[in-house]
Protein backbone atom coordinates (compact mmCIF):
# COMPACT_ATOMS: atom_id res chain seq x y z
CA MET A 1 -4.45 -3.34 1.30
CA LYS A 2 -1.12 -2.83 -0.45
CA HIS A 3 -0.81 -0.49 -3.39
CA THR A 4 0.12 -1.63 -6.88
CA LYS A 5 3.88 -1.91 -7.12
CA GLY A 6 5.64 0.77 -9.13
CA PRO A 7 6.89 2.13 -11.26
CA TRP A 8 3.73 3.80 -12.49
CA HIS A 9 3.51 5.73 -15.74
CA LEU A 10 1.10 7.77 -17.80
CA HIS A 11 -0.84 5.89 -20.46
CA ASN A 12 0.63 6.58 -23.91
CA MET A 13 -2.62 7.88 -25.40
CA GLU A 14 -4.72 8.96 -22.41
CA LYS A 15 -2.56 11.34 -20.36
CA ASN A 16 -5.08 11.43 -17.49
CA THR A 17 -4.69 7.67 -16.92
CA VAL A 18 -1.97 6.24 -14.68
CA CYS A 19 -0.89 2.64 -15.29
CA GLY A 20 1.11 0.16 -13.26
CA PRO A 21 4.12 -1.80 -14.52
CA LYS A 22 1.97 -4.35 -16.38
CA GLY A 23 -0.16 -1.70 -18.07
CA PHE A 24 -3.19 -2.04 -15.80
CA THR A 25 -4.96 1.19 -14.84
CA VAL A 26 -4.07 2.43 -11.35
CA ALA A 27 -5.89 5.78 -11.43
CA VAL A 28 -7.74 8.13 -13.74
CA THR A 29 -7.98 11.84 -13.07
CA ASP A 30 -11.37 13.40 -13.72
CA MET A 31 -10.94 14.86 -17.19
CA TYR A 32 -14.31 16.64 -17.07
CA ALA A 33 -13.99 18.43 -13.74
CA ARG A 34 -10.72 20.29 -14.29
CA ALA A 35 -8.69 21.98 -16.96
CA PRO A 36 -6.77 19.49 -19.13
CA ILE A 37 -3.43 20.91 -18.03
CA GLU A 38 -4.37 20.36 -14.35
CA ASN A 39 -5.51 16.79 -15.08
CA LYS A 40 -2.18 15.98 -16.69
CA ALA A 41 -0.31 17.51 -13.73
CA ASN A 42 -2.41 15.49 -11.27
CA ALA A 43 -1.80 12.31 -13.26
CA ARG A 44 1.98 12.96 -13.33
CA LEU A 45 1.98 13.46 -9.55
CA ILE A 46 0.02 10.25 -9.01
CA ALA A 47 2.39 8.39 -11.36
CA ALA A 48 5.35 9.55 -9.24
CA ALA A 49 3.75 8.36 -5.98
CA PRO A 50 5.59 5.01 -5.60
CA GLU A 51 8.99 6.66 -6.11
CA LEU A 52 8.08 9.52 -3.75
CA LEU A 53 7.02 7.02 -1.08
CA GLU A 54 10.31 5.18 -1.51
CA VAL A 55 12.28 8.43 -1.12
CA CYS A 56 10.36 9.26 2.08
CA LYS A 57 11.29 5.85 3.50
CA ILE A 58 14.94 6.40 2.56
CA VAL A 59 14.95 9.79 4.31
CA VAL A 60 13.52 8.31 7.53
CA LYS A 61 15.92 5.35 7.41
CA TRP A 62 18.89 7.68 6.85
CA TRP A 63 17.82 9.87 9.79
CA LYS A 64 17.51 6.88 12.13
CA LYS A 65 21.01 5.75 11.18
CA HIS A 66 22.75 9.15 11.20
CA GLN A 67 20.84 11.32 13.66
CA TYR A 68 23.67 11.20 16.19
CA ASP A 69 26.38 11.93 13.62
CA ILE A 70 25.28 15.54 13.23
CA ARG A 71 27.67 18.30 14.29
CA TRP A 72 26.44 21.71 15.38
CA ASN A 73 29.00 24.54 15.51
CA GLY A 74 31.84 22.01 15.49
CA GLU A 75 30.61 20.20 18.61
CA ASN A 76 29.45 16.62 18.65
CA VAL A 77 25.88 16.09 19.77
CA TYR A 78 26.10 12.36 20.46
CA ASN A 79 24.66 12.48 23.98
CA ALA A 80 21.48 14.38 23.22
CA ARG A 81 18.74 13.21 20.92
CA PRO A 82 18.66 15.78 18.12
CA LYS A 83 15.38 17.32 17.08
CA GLU A 84 13.94 15.69 13.98
CA PRO A 85 14.27 17.96 10.97
CA GLU A 86 11.08 19.06 9.29
CA MET A 87 11.85 16.90 6.24
CA VAL A 88 11.90 13.77 8.44
CA ILE A 89 8.65 14.74 10.16
CA LYS A 90 6.97 15.38 6.81
CA ALA A 91 8.38 12.17 5.34
CA LYS A 92 6.90 10.18 8.26
CA GLN A 93 3.55 11.93 7.79
CA ALA A 94 3.53 11.11 4.07
CA ILE A 95 4.38 7.47 4.76
CA ALA A 96 1.57 7.21 7.32
CA LYS A 97 -0.88 8.80 4.87
CA ALA A 98 0.15 6.44 2.07
CA GLU A 99 0.12 3.31 4.20
CA GLU A 100 -2.93 4.08 6.32
CA SER A 101 -5.28 1.10 6.50
């Protein structure tokens, strides 16, 4: 199942509620289980999820296009497959977690 398209935002009145672009509720953090400040932080993180997923995809796409353009100590490394940087590995992991079926 596909997620609700972004951008997502916090509800104007209920800061623990995350809404999609048409105002429908996407998620609600549990306002009774945690401190209010933690609920708001969780809701802000959830609201940023579509943009964060998009950034992860951009990072992976950039790496696939430019991985052989990298220079180490002034020498070209075109003939050897460079090791994926940790940010690319983590971006792929986040994408898999978000798009897991």
